[in-house]
């Protein structure tokens, strides 16, 4: 069975995050932006990587462009799922992200 390319892309990015960063996504899940934005002004929510990077606490007046710029200092490209086929992070975005964070953390604990 072929692995979901969207899952692979997100997993690879999240594997570069520290345990603390992954845990931050889990702990601050009420601040997750699960749309196409890095920051949603109307909801004051942040994409998973912005949460991992603690940008929700570090940037006092966030905008989507500012968050994208900060993410771009660490990750290129910033949008790894644009045009990527697969079902991961489409209809069950929050569950997909939280499950992946927990999987990576559990795998690290077992090593």
PDB file of N, CA and C in Angstrom:
ATOM      1  N   UNK A   1       0.832  -1.181   0.000  1.00  0.00           N
ATOM      2  CA  UNK A   1       0.000   0.000   0.000  1.00  0.00           C
ATOM      3  C   UNK A   1       0.883   1.254   0.000  1.00  0.00           C
ATOM      4  N   UNK A   2       0.556   2.188  -0.880  1.00  0.00           N
ATOM      5  CA  UNK A   2       1.344   3.403  -0.999  1.00  0.00           C
ATOM      6  C   UNK A   2       0.989   4.368   0.133  1.00  0.00           C
ATOM      7  N   UNK A   3       2.011   4.948   0.739  1.00  0.00           N
ATOM      8  CA  UNK A   3       1.791   5.885   1.841  1.00  0.00           C
ATOM      9  C   UNK A   3       1.214   7.195   1.320  1.00  0.00           C
ATOM     10  N   UNK A   4       0.327   7.774   2.080  1.00  0.00           N
ATOM     11  CA  UNK A   4      -0.300   9.059   1.767  1.00  0.00           C
ATOM     12  C   UNK A   4       0.787  10.140   1.711  1.00  0.00           C
ATOM     13  N   UNK A   5       0.933  10.816   0.579  1.00  0.00           N
ATOM     14  CA  UNK A   5       1.984  11.822   0.411  1.00  0.00           C
ATOM     15  C   UNK A   5       1.796  13.020   1.336  1.00  0.00           C
ATOM     16  N   UNK A   6       0.555  13.336   1.654  1.00  0.00           N
ATOM     17  CA  UNK A   6       0.296  14.441   2.579  1.00  0.00           C
ATOM     18  C   UNK A   6       0.764  14.059   3.988  1.00  0.00           C
ATOM     19  N   UNK A   7       0.483  12.819   4.380  1.00  0.00           N
ATOM     20  CA  UNK A   7       0.932  12.320   5.684  1.00  0.00           C
ATOM     21  C   UNK A   7       2.459  12.357   5.753  1.00  0.00           C
ATOM     22  N   UNK A   8       3.101  11.887   4.705  1.00  0.00           N
ATOM     23  CA  UNK A   8       4.562  11.844   4.674  1.00  0.00           C
ATOM     24  C   UNK A   8       5.161  13.242   4.823  1.00  0.00           C
ATOM     25  N   UNK A   9       4.599  14.207   4.099  1.00  0.00           N
ATOM     26  CA  UNK A   9       5.122  15.577   4.150  1.00  0.00           C
ATOM     27  C   UNK A   9       4.990  16.171   5.548  1.00  0.00           C
ATOM     28  N   UNK A  10       3.830  15.996   6.157  1.00  0.00           N
ATOM     29  CA  UNK A  10       3.617  16.560   7.497  1.00  0.00           C
ATOM     30  C   UNK A  10       4.457  15.817   8.527  1.00  0.00           C
ATOM     31  N   UNK A  11       4.511  14.489   8.419  1.00  0.00           N
ATOM     32  CA  UNK A  11       5.313  13.707   9.369  1.00  0.00           C
ATOM     33  C   UNK A  11       6.780  14.136   9.329  1.00  0.00           C
ATOM     34  N   UNK A  12       7.315  14.296   8.131  1.00  0.00           N
ATOM     35  CA  UNK A  12       8.719  14.695   8.017  1.00  0.00           C
ATOM     36  C   UNK A  12       8.962  16.062   8.652  1.00  0.00           C
ATOM     37  N   UNK A  13       8.031  16.984   8.459  1.00  0.00           N
ATOM     38  CA  UNK A  13       8.192  18.310   9.065  1.00  0.00           C
ATOM     39  C   UNK A  13       8.086  18.217  10.586  1.00  0.00           C
ATOM     40  N   UNK A  14       7.100  17.487  11.070  1.00  0.00           N
ATOM     41  CA  UNK A  14       6.903  17.370  12.513  1.00  0.00           C
ATOM     42  C   UNK A  14       8.040  16.607  13.184  1.00  0.00           C
ATOM     43  N   UNK A  15       8.662  15.685  12.470  1.00  0.00           N
ATOM     44  CA  UNK A  15       9.792  14.946  13.050  1.00  0.00           C
ATOM     45  C   UNK A  15      10.988  15.864  13.296  1.00  0.00           C
ATOM     46  N   UNK A  16      11.012  17.008  12.636  1.00  0.00           N
ATOM     47  CA  UNK A  16      12.099  17.963  12.883  1.00  0.00           C
ATOM     48  C   UNK A  16      11.807  18.848  14.090  1.00  0.00           C
ATOM     49  N   UNK A  17      10.612  18.726  14.644  1.00  0.00           N
ATOM     50  CA  UNK A  17      10.235  19.486  15.838  1.00  0.00           C
ATOM     51  C   UNK A  17      10.695  18.750  17.093  1.00  0.00           C
ATOM     52  N   UNK A  18      10.965  19.507  18.115  1.00  0.00           N
ATOM     53  CA  UNK A  18      11.354  18.911  19.395  1.00  0.00           C
ATOM     54  C   UNK A  18      10.127  18.326  20.094  1.00  0.00           C
ATOM     55  N   UNK A  19      10.383  17.525  21.110  1.00  0.00           N
ATOM     56  CA  UNK A  19       9.286  16.988  21.915  1.00  0.00           C
ATOM     57  C   UNK A  19       8.454  18.116  22.516  1.00  0.00           C
ATOM     58  N   UNK A  20       9.126  19.148  22.990  1.00  0.00           N
ATOM     59  CA  UNK A  20       8.431  20.292  23.586  1.00  0.00           C
ATOM     60  C   UNK A  20       7.510  20.961  22.560  1.00  0.00           C
ATOM     61  N   UNK A  21       7.984  21.093  21.337  1.00  0.00           N
ATOM     62  CA  UNK A  21       7.175  21.731  20.301  1.00  0.00           C
ATOM     63  C   UNK A  21       5.953  20.886  19.952  1.00  0.00           C
ATOM     64  N   UNK A  22       6.146  19.579  19.824  1.00  0.00           N
ATOM     65  CA  UNK A  22       5.015  18.697  19.535  1.00  0.00           C
ATOM     66  C   UNK A  22       4.001  18.720  20.676  1.00  0.00           C
ATOM     67  N   UNK A  23       4.501  18.722  21.895  1.00  0.00           N
ATOM     68  CA  UNK A  23       3.608  18.765  23.051  1.00  0.00           C
ATOM     69  C   UNK A  23       2.836  20.082  23.092  1.00  0.00           C
ATOM     70  N   UNK A  24       3.467  21.156  22.645  1.00  0.00           N
ATOM     71  CA  UNK A  24       2.801  22.456  22.620  1.00  0.00           C
ATOM     72  C   UNK A  24       1.585  22.423  21.681  1.00  0.00           C
ATOM     73  N   UNK A  25       1.712  21.740  20.544  1.00  0.00           N
ATOM     74  CA  UNK A  25       0.575  21.607  19.626  1.00  0.00           C
ATOM     75  C   UNK A  25      -0.570  20.882  20.327  1.00  0.00           C
ATOM     76  N   UNK A  26      -0.241  19.824  21.020  1.00  0.00           N
ATOM     77  CA  UNK A  26      -1.264  19.047  21.738  1.00  0.00           C
ATOM     78  C   UNK A  26      -1.889  19.898  22.837  1.00  0.00           C
ATOM     79  N   UNK A  27      -1.057  20.550  23.618  1.00  0.00           N
ATOM     80  CA  UNK A  27      -1.547  21.333  24.760  1.00  0.00           C
ATOM     81  C   UNK A  27      -2.360  22.558  24.346  1.00  0.00           C
ATOM     82  N   UNK A  28      -1.993  23.171  23.222  1.00  0.00           N
ATOM     83  CA  UNK A  28      -2.655  24.402  22.783  1.00  0.00           C
ATOM     84  C   UNK A  28      -3.595  24.155  21.606  1.00  0.00           C
ATOM     85  N   UNK A  29      -4.153  22.961  21.532  1.00  0.00           N
ATOM     86  CA  UNK A  29      -4.993  22.600  20.400  1.00  0.00           C
ATOM     87  C   UNK A  29      -6.211  23.493  20.225  1.00  0.00           C
ATOM     88  N   UNK A  30      -6.638  24.171  21.288  1.00  0.00           N
ATOM     89  CA  UNK A  30      -7.767  25.099  21.164  1.00  0.00           C
ATOM     90  C   UNK A  30      -7.384  26.335  20.345  1.00  0.00           C
ATOM     91  N   UNK A  31      -6.102  26.533  20.085  1.00  0.00           N
ATOM     92  CA  UNK A  31      -5.618  27.665  19.291  1.00  0.00           C
ATOM     93  C   UNK A  31      -5.245  27.248  17.870  1.00  0.00           C
ATOM     94  N   UNK A  32      -5.584  26.003  17.475  1.00  0.00           N
ATOM     95  CA  UNK A  32      -5.220  25.493  16.156  1.00  0.00           C
ATOM     96  C   UNK A  32      -6.072  26.093  15.052  1.00  0.00           C
ATOM     97  N   UNK A  33      -5.405  26.609  14.048  1.00  0.00           N
ATOM     98  CA  UNK A  33      -6.048  27.055  12.816  1.00  0.00           C
ATOM     99  C   UNK A  33      -5.985  25.865  11.860  1.00  0.00           C
ATOM    100  N   UNK A  34      -7.117  25.393  11.427  1.00  0.00           N
ATOM    101  CA  UNK A  34      -7.150  24.178  10.621  1.00  0.00           C
ATOM    102  C   UNK A  34      -7.606  24.463   9.190  1.00  0.00           C
ATOM    103  N   UNK A  35      -7.329  25.668   8.727  1.00  0.00           N
ATOM    104  CA  UNK A  35      -7.698  26.050   7.376  1.00  0.00           C
ATOM    105  C   UNK A  35      -6.419  26.229   6.563  1.00  0.00           C
ATOM    106  N   UNK A  36      -6.460  27.061   5.548  1.00  0.00           N
ATOM    107  CA  UNK A  36      -5.292  27.250   4.701  1.00  0.00           C
ATOM    108  C   UNK A  36      -4.391  28.364   5.204  1.00  0.00           C
ATOM    109  N   UNK A  37      -4.759  28.993   6.295  1.00  0.00           N
ATOM    110  CA  UNK A  37      -3.995  30.119   6.818  1.00  0.00           C
ATOM    111  C   UNK A  37      -2.958  29.666   7.839  1.00  0.00           C
ATOM    112  N   UNK A  38      -1.929  30.494   8.004  1.00  0.00           N
ATOM    113  CA  UNK A  38      -0.969  30.297   9.085  1.00  0.00           C
ATOM    114  C   UNK A  38      -1.488  30.961  10.355  1.00  0.00           C
ATOM    115  N   UNK A  39      -2.303  31.996  10.153  1.00  0.00           N
ATOM    116  CA  UNK A  39      -2.937  32.695  11.271  1.00  0.00           C
ATOM    117  C   UNK A  39      -4.299  33.169  10.795  1.00  0.00           C
ATOM    118  N   UNK A  40      -5.324  32.876  11.564  1.00  0.00           N
ATOM    119  CA  UNK A  40      -6.677  33.292  11.220  1.00  0.00           C
ATOM    120  C   UNK A  40      -7.081  34.431  12.152  1.00  0.00           C
ATOM    121  N   UNK A  41      -7.112  35.629  11.622  1.00  0.00           N
ATOM    122  CA  UNK A  41      -7.415  36.814  12.408  1.00  0.00           C
ATOM    123  C   UNK A  41      -8.789  36.731  13.071  1.00  0.00           C
ATOM    124  N   UNK A  42      -9.785  36.228  12.354  1.00  0.00           N
ATOM    125  CA  UNK A  42     -11.148  36.203  12.905  1.00  0.00           C
ATOM    126  C   UNK A  42     -11.265  35.277  14.111  1.00  0.00           C
ATOM    127  N   UNK A  43     -10.489  34.215  14.115  1.00  0.00           N
ATOM    128  CA  UNK A  43     -10.541  33.232  15.212  1.00  0.00           C
ATOM    129  C   UNK A  43      -9.362  33.350  16.174  1.00  0.00           C
ATOM    130  N   UNK A  44      -8.352  34.134  15.779  1.00  0.00           N
ATOM    131  CA  UNK A  44      -7.108  34.244  16.549  1.00  0.00           C
ATOM    132  C   UNK A  44      -6.490  32.870  16.813  1.00  0.00           C
ATOM    133  N   UNK A  45      -6.423  32.090  15.730  1.00  0.00           N
ATOM    134  CA  UNK A  45      -5.853  30.750  15.794  1.00  0.00           C
ATOM    135  C   UNK A  45      -4.644  30.666  14.871  1.00  0.00           C
ATOM    136  N   UNK A  46      -3.779  29.696  15.149  1.00  0.00           N
ATOM    137  CA  UNK A  46      -2.501  29.562  14.461  1.00  0.00           C
ATOM    138  C   UNK A  46      -2.363  28.165  13.861  1.00  0.00           C
ATOM    139  N   UNK A  47      -1.611  28.067  12.765  1.00  0.00           N
ATOM    140  CA  UNK A  47      -1.352  26.760  12.170  1.00  0.00           C
ATOM    141  C   UNK A  47      -0.497  25.937  13.143  1.00  0.00           C
ATOM    142  N   UNK A  48      -0.482  24.619  12.978  1.00  0.00           N
ATOM    143  CA  UNK A  48       0.267  23.765  13.913  1.00  0.00           C
ATOM    144  C   UNK A  48       1.737  24.141  14.071  1.00  0.00           C
ATOM    145  N   UNK A  49       2.404  24.463  12.984  1.00  0.00           N
ATOM    146  CA  UNK A  49       3.830  24.796  13.090  1.00  0.00           C
ATOM    147  C   UNK A  49       4.033  26.104  13.838  1.00  0.00           C
ATOM    148  N   UNK A  50       3.134  27.072  13.635  1.00  0.00           N
ATOM    149  CA  UNK A  50       3.229  28.328  14.387  1.00  0.00           C
ATOM    150  C   UNK A  50       3.073  28.065  15.878  1.00  0.00           C
ATOM    151  N   UNK A  51       2.157  27.154  16.231  1.00  0.00           N
ATOM    152  CA  UNK A  51       2.012  26.782  17.645  1.00  0.00           C
ATOM    153  C   UNK A  51       3.279  26.109  18.149  1.00  0.00           C
ATOM    154  N   UNK A  52       3.791  25.181  17.358  1.00  0.00           N
ATOM    155  CA  UNK A  52       5.011  24.471  17.759  1.00  0.00           C
ATOM    156  C   UNK A  52       6.143  25.461  18.026  1.00  0.00           C
ATOM    157  N   UNK A  53       6.241  26.474  17.161  1.00  0.00           N
ATOM    158  CA  UNK A  53       7.309  27.470  17.289  1.00  0.00           C
ATOM    159  C   UNK A  53       7.004  28.514  18.357  1.00  0.00           C
ATOM    160  N   UNK A  54       5.860  28.385  19.013  1.00  0.00           N
ATOM    161  CA  UNK A  54       5.442  29.284  20.085  1.00  0.00           C
ATOM    162  C   UNK A  54       5.173  30.705  19.591  1.00  0.00           C
ATOM    163  N   UNK A  55       4.839  30.843  18.324  1.00  0.00           N
ATOM    164  CA  UNK A  55       4.586  32.163  17.757  1.00  0.00           C
ATOM    165  C   UNK A  55       3.327  32.790  18.335  1.00  0.00           C
ATOM    166  N   UNK A  56       2.413  31.961  18.808  1.00  0.00           N
ATOM    167  CA  UNK A  56       1.183  32.495  19.406  1.00  0.00           C
ATOM    168  C   UNK A  56       1.464  33.256  20.700  1.00  0.00           C
ATOM    169  N   UNK A  57       2.581  32.979  21.323  1.00  0.00           N
ATOM    170  CA  UNK A  57       2.977  33.700  22.543  1.00  0.00           C
ATOM    171  C   UNK A  57       4.042  34.762  22.277  1.00  0.00           C
ATOM    172  N   UNK A  58       4.762  34.628  21.178  1.00  0.00           N
ATOM    173  CA  UNK A  58       5.887  35.529  20.922  1.00  0.00           C
ATOM    174  C   UNK A  58       5.546  36.735  20.059  1.00  0.00           C
ATOM    175  N   UNK A  59       4.547  36.612  19.197  1.00  0.00           N
ATOM    176  CA  UNK A  59       4.203  37.717  18.300  1.00  0.00           C
ATOM    177  C   UNK A  59       2.963  38.417  18.839  1.00  0.00           C
ATOM    178  N   UNK A  60       3.128  39.660  19.203  1.00  0.00           N
ATOM    179  CA  UNK A  60       2.055  40.407  19.867  1.00  0.00           C
ATOM    180  C   UNK A  60       0.931  40.831  18.918  1.00  0.00           C
ATOM    181  N   UNK A  61       1.249  41.178  17.674  1.00  0.00           N
ATOM    182  CA  UNK A  61       0.239  41.606  16.696  1.00  0.00           C
ATOM    183  C   UNK A  61       0.379  40.758  15.432  1.00  0.00           C
ATOM    184  N   UNK A  62      -0.051  39.490  15.503  1.00  0.00           N
ATOM    185  CA  UNK A  62       0.160  38.587  14.371  1.00  0.00           C
ATOM    186  C   UNK A  62      -0.728  38.913  13.165  1.00  0.00           C
ATOM    187  N   UNK A  63      -0.193  38.592  12.005  1.00  0.00           N
ATOM    188  CA  UNK A  63      -0.951  38.583  10.759  1.00  0.00           C
ATOM    189  C   UNK A  63      -0.555  37.292  10.043  1.00  0.00           C
ATOM    190  N   UNK A  64      -1.339  36.889   9.065  1.00  0.00           N
ATOM    191  CA  UNK A  64      -0.999  35.688   8.319  1.00  0.00           C
ATOM    192  C   UNK A  64       0.380  35.827   7.672  1.00  0.00           C
ATOM    193  N   UNK A  65       0.650  36.985   7.075  1.00  0.00           N
ATOM    194  CA  UNK A  65       1.945  37.202   6.422  1.00  0.00           C
ATOM    195  C   UNK A  65       3.107  37.184   7.404  1.00  0.00           C
ATOM    196  N   UNK A  66       2.918  37.772   8.564  1.00  0.00           N
ATOM    197  CA  UNK A  66       3.983  37.792   9.574  1.00  0.00           C
ATOM    198  C   UNK A  66       4.277  36.383  10.088  1.00  0.00           C
ATOM    199  N   UNK A  67       3.239  35.627  10.345  1.00  0.00           N
ATOM    200  CA  UNK A  67       3.435  34.253  10.805  1.00  0.00           C
ATOM    201  C   UNK A  67       4.135  33.437   9.724  1.00  0.00           C
ATOM    202  N   UNK A  68       3.701  33.593   8.482  1.00  0.00           N
ATOM    203  CA  UNK A  68       4.334  32.878   7.365  1.00  0.00           C
ATOM    204  C   UNK A  68       5.809  33.253   7.253  1.00  0.00           C
ATOM    205  N   UNK A  69       6.112  34.517   7.417  1.00  0.00           N
ATOM    206  CA  UNK A  69       7.497  34.982   7.362  1.00  0.00           C
ATOM    207  C   UNK A  69       8.342  34.328   8.461  1.00  0.00           C
ATOM    208  N   UNK A  70       7.811  34.265   9.670  1.00  0.00           N
ATOM    209  CA  UNK A  70       8.539  33.650  10.787  1.00  0.00           C
ATOM    210  C   UNK A  70       8.739  32.151  10.553  1.00  0.00           C
ATOM    211  N   UNK A  71       7.716  31.481  10.064  1.00  0.00           N
ATOM    212  CA  UNK A  71       7.843  30.051   9.757  1.00  0.00           C
ATOM    213  C   UNK A  71       8.898  29.848   8.672  1.00  0.00           C
ATOM    214  N   UNK A  72       8.910  30.755   7.680  1.00  0.00           N
ATOM    215  CA  UNK A  72       9.865  30.664   6.574  1.00  0.00           C
ATOM    216  C   UNK A  72      11.313  30.796   6.992  1.00  0.00           C
ATOM    217  N   UNK A  73      11.566  31.359   8.151  1.00  0.00           N
ATOM    218  CA  UNK A  73      12.939  31.448   8.650  1.00  0.00           C
ATOM    219  C   UNK A  73      13.476  30.082   9.050  1.00  0.00           C
ATOM    220  N   UNK A  74      12.572  29.159   9.334  1.00  0.00           N
ATOM    221  CA  UNK A  74      12.962  27.822   9.761  1.00  0.00           C
ATOM    222  C   UNK A  74      12.634  26.745   8.728  1.00  0.00           C
ATOM    223  N   UNK A  75      11.516  26.921   8.035  1.00  0.00           N
ATOM    224  CA  UNK A  75      11.039  25.895   7.099  1.00  0.00           C
ATOM    225  C   UNK A  75      10.802  26.483   5.713  1.00  0.00           C
ATOM    226  N   UNK A  76      11.353  25.824   4.710  1.00  0.00           N
ATOM    227  CA  UNK A  76      11.095  26.183   3.328  1.00  0.00           C
ATOM    228  C   UNK A  76      10.782  24.906   2.565  1.00  0.00           C
ATOM    229  N   UNK A  77       9.691  24.886   1.856  1.00  0.00           N
ATOM    230  CA  UNK A  77       8.671  25.924   1.752  1.00  0.00           C
ATOM    231  C   UNK A  77       7.804  25.952   3.002  1.00  0.00           C
ATOM    232  N   UNK A  78       7.032  27.018   3.144  1.00  0.00           N
ATOM    233  CA  UNK A  78       6.167  27.106   4.320  1.00  0.00           C
ATOM    234  C   UNK A  78       4.901  26.288   4.127  1.00  0.00           C
ATOM    235  N   UNK A  79       4.400  26.189   2.913  1.00  0.00           N
ATOM    236  CA  UNK A  79       3.186  25.429   2.635  1.00  0.00           C
ATOM    237  C   UNK A  79       3.566  24.129   1.937  1.00  0.00           C
ATOM    238  N   UNK A  80       3.693  23.063   2.700  1.00  0.00           N
ATOM    239  CA  UNK A  80       4.164  21.790   2.141  1.00  0.00           C
ATOM    240  C   UNK A  80       3.055  20.935   1.568  1.00  0.00           C
ATOM    241  N   UNK A  81       1.799  21.322   1.748  1.00  0.00           N
ATOM    242  CA  UNK A  81       0.692  20.476   1.291  1.00  0.00           C
ATOM    243  C   UNK A  81       0.009  20.988   0.034  1.00  0.00           C
ATOM    244  N   UNK A  82       0.363  22.155  -0.430  1.00  0.00           N
ATOM    245  CA  UNK A  82      -0.287  22.726  -1.611  1.00  0.00           C
ATOM    246  C   UNK A  82      -0.058  21.819  -2.823  1.00  0.00           C
ATOM    247  N   UNK A  83      -1.147  21.305  -3.363  1.00  0.00           N
ATOM    248  CA  UNK A  83      -1.081  20.455  -4.541  1.00  0.00           C
ATOM    249  C   UNK A  83      -0.649  19.022  -4.292  1.00  0.00           C
ATOM    250  N   UNK A  84      -0.504  18.622  -3.028  1.00  0.00           N
ATOM    251  CA  UNK A  84      -0.061  17.266  -2.700  1.00  0.00           C
ATOM    252  C   UNK A  84      -1.288  16.367  -2.534  1.00  0.00           C
ATOM    253  N   UNK A  85      -1.289  15.246  -3.269  1.00  0.00           N
ATOM    254  CA  UNK A  85      -2.398  14.302  -3.182  1.00  0.00           C
ATOM    255  C   UNK A  85      -2.365  13.516  -1.881  1.00  0.00           C
ATOM    256  N   UNK A  86      -3.544  13.149  -1.422  1.00  0.00           N
ATOM    257  CA  UNK A  86      -3.670  12.325  -0.232  1.00  0.00           C
ATOM    258  C   UNK A  86      -4.879  12.742   0.574  1.00  0.00           C
ATOM    259  N   UNK A  87      -5.175  11.955   1.583  1.00  0.00           N
ATOM    260  CA  UNK A  87      -6.348  12.250   2.412  1.00  0.00           C
ATOM    261  C   UNK A  87      -5.977  12.798   3.788  1.00  0.00           C
ATOM    262  N   UNK A  88      -4.690  12.710   4.162  1.00  0.00           N
ATOM    263  CA  UNK A  88      -4.270  13.215   5.467  1.00  0.00           C
ATOM    264  C   UNK A  88      -4.476  14.720   5.525  1.00  0.00           C
ATOM    265  N   UNK A  89      -4.966  15.184   6.654  1.00  0.00           N
ATOM    266  CA  UNK A  89      -5.178  16.609   6.892  1.00  0.00           C
ATOM    267  C   UNK A  89      -6.108  17.220   5.840  1.00  0.00           C
ATOM    268  N   UNK A  90      -7.216  16.514   5.594  1.00  0.00           N
ATOM    269  CA  UNK A  90      -8.248  17.054   4.701  1.00  0.00           C
ATOM    270  C   UNK A  90      -9.565  17.161   5.457  1.00  0.00           C
ATOM    271  N   UNK A  91     -10.186  16.024   5.757  1.00  0.00           N
ATOM    272  CA  UNK A  91     -11.508  16.072   6.405  1.00  0.00           C
ATOM    273  C   UNK A  91     -11.434  15.975   7.934  1.00  0.00           C
ATOM    274  N   UNK A  92     -10.377  15.402   8.478  1.00  0.00           N
ATOM    275  CA  UNK A  92     -10.225  15.252   9.937  1.00  0.00           C
ATOM    276  C   UNK A  92      -8.935  15.920  10.399  1.00  0.00           C
ATOM    277  N   UNK A  93      -8.815  17.184  10.093  1.00  0.00           N
ATOM    278  CA  UNK A  93      -7.540  17.881  10.300  1.00  0.00           C
ATOM    279  C   UNK A  93      -7.055  17.875  11.748  1.00  0.00           C
ATOM    280  N   UNK A  94      -7.900  18.243  12.663  1.00  0.00           N
ATOM    281  CA  UNK A  94      -7.469  18.308  14.062  1.00  0.00           C
ATOM    282  C   UNK A  94      -7.048  16.933  14.566  1.00  0.00           C
ATOM    283  N   UNK A  95      -7.865  15.935  14.303  1.00  0.00           N
ATOM    284  CA  UNK A  95      -7.538  14.572  14.728  1.00  0.00           C
ATOM    285  C   UNK A  95      -6.235  14.105  14.077  1.00  0.00           C
ATOM    286  N   UNK A  96      -6.074  14.376  12.781  1.00  0.00           N
ATOM    287  CA  UNK A  96      -4.853  13.962  12.078  1.00  0.00           C
ATOM    288  C   UNK A  96      -3.603  14.562  12.722  1.00  0.00           C
ATOM    289  N   UNK A  97      -3.651  15.859  12.991  1.00  0.00           N
ATOM    290  CA  UNK A  97      -2.487  16.549  13.564  1.00  0.00           C
ATOM    291  C   UNK A  97      -2.170  16.036  14.969  1.00  0.00           C
ATOM    292  N   UNK A  98      -3.191  15.939  15.804  1.00  0.00           N
ATOM    293  CA  UNK A  98      -2.963  15.498  17.185  1.00  0.00           C
ATOM    294  C   UNK A  98      -2.485  14.058  17.234  1.00  0.00           C
ATOM    295  N   UNK A  99      -3.063  13.202  16.399  1.00  0.00           N
ATOM    296  CA  UNK A  99      -2.641  11.796  16.353  1.00  0.00           C
ATOM    297  C   UNK A  99      -1.191  11.687  15.910  1.00  0.00           C
ATOM    298  N   UNK A 100      -0.809  12.457  14.894  1.00  0.00           N
ATOM    299  CA  UNK A 100       0.568  12.422  14.412  1.00  0.00           C
ATOM    300  C   UNK A 100       1.545  12.894  15.484  1.00  0.00           C
ATOM    301  N   UNK A 101       1.227  13.976  16.167  1.00  0.00           N
ATOM    302  CA  UNK A 101       2.109  14.463  17.243  1.00  0.00           C
ATOM    303  C   UNK A 101       2.302  13.389  18.307  1.00  0.00           C
ATOM    304  N   UNK A 102       1.211  12.753  18.699  1.00  0.00           N
ATOM    305  CA  UNK A 102       1.284  11.701  19.718  1.00  0.00           C
ATOM    306  C   UNK A 102       2.076  10.497  19.223  1.00  0.00           C
ATOM    307  N   UNK A 103       1.900  10.127  17.946  1.00  0.00           N
ATOM    308  CA  UNK A 103       2.651   9.002  17.370  1.00  0.00           C
ATOM    309  C   UNK A 103       4.157   9.268  17.418  1.00  0.00           C
ATOM    310  N   UNK A 104       4.542  10.453  17.004  1.00  0.00           N
ATOM    311  CA  UNK A 104       5.980  10.793  16.990  1.00  0.00           C
ATOM    312  C   UNK A 104       6.540  10.801  18.412  1.00  0.00           C
ATOM    313  N   UNK A 105       5.818  11.407  19.338  1.00  0.00           N
ATOM    314  CA  UNK A 105       6.273  11.434  20.735  1.00  0.00           C
ATOM    315  C   UNK A 105       6.393  10.032  21.312  1.00  0.00           C
ATOM    316  N   UNK A 106       5.401   9.189  21.057  1.00  0.00           N
ATOM    317  CA  UNK A 106       5.435   7.803  21.557  1.00  0.00           C
ATOM    318  C   UNK A 106       6.575   7.016  20.939  1.00  0.00           C
ATOM    319  N   UNK A 107       6.818   7.214  19.658  1.00  0.00           N
ATOM    320  CA  UNK A 107       7.922   6.519  18.991  1.00  0.00           C
ATOM    321  C   UNK A 107       9.261   6.923  19.608  1.00  0.00           C
ATOM    322  N   UNK A 108       9.419   8.190  19.882  1.00  0.00           N
ATOM    323  CA  UNK A 108      10.662   8.671  20.504  1.00  0.00           C
ATOM    324  C   UNK A 108      10.853   8.108  21.903  1.00  0.00           C
ATOM    325  N   UNK A 109       9.785   7.991  22.649  1.00  0.00           N
ATOM    326  CA  UNK A 109       9.864   7.444  24.020  1.00  0.00           C
ATOM    327  C   UNK A 109      10.276   5.987  24.006  1.00  0.00           C
ATOM    328  N   UNK A 110       9.892   5.260  22.963  1.00  0.00           N
ATOM    329  CA  UNK A 110      10.194   3.835  22.870  1.00  0.00           C
ATOM    330  C   UNK A 110      11.630   3.577  22.422  1.00  0.00           C
ATOM    331  N   UNK A 111      12.284   4.587  21.878  1.00  0.00           N
ATOM    332  CA  UNK A 111      13.655   4.391  21.379  1.00  0.00           C
ATOM    333  C   UNK A 111      14.672   4.483  22.476  1.00  0.00           C
TER     334      UNK A 111
END
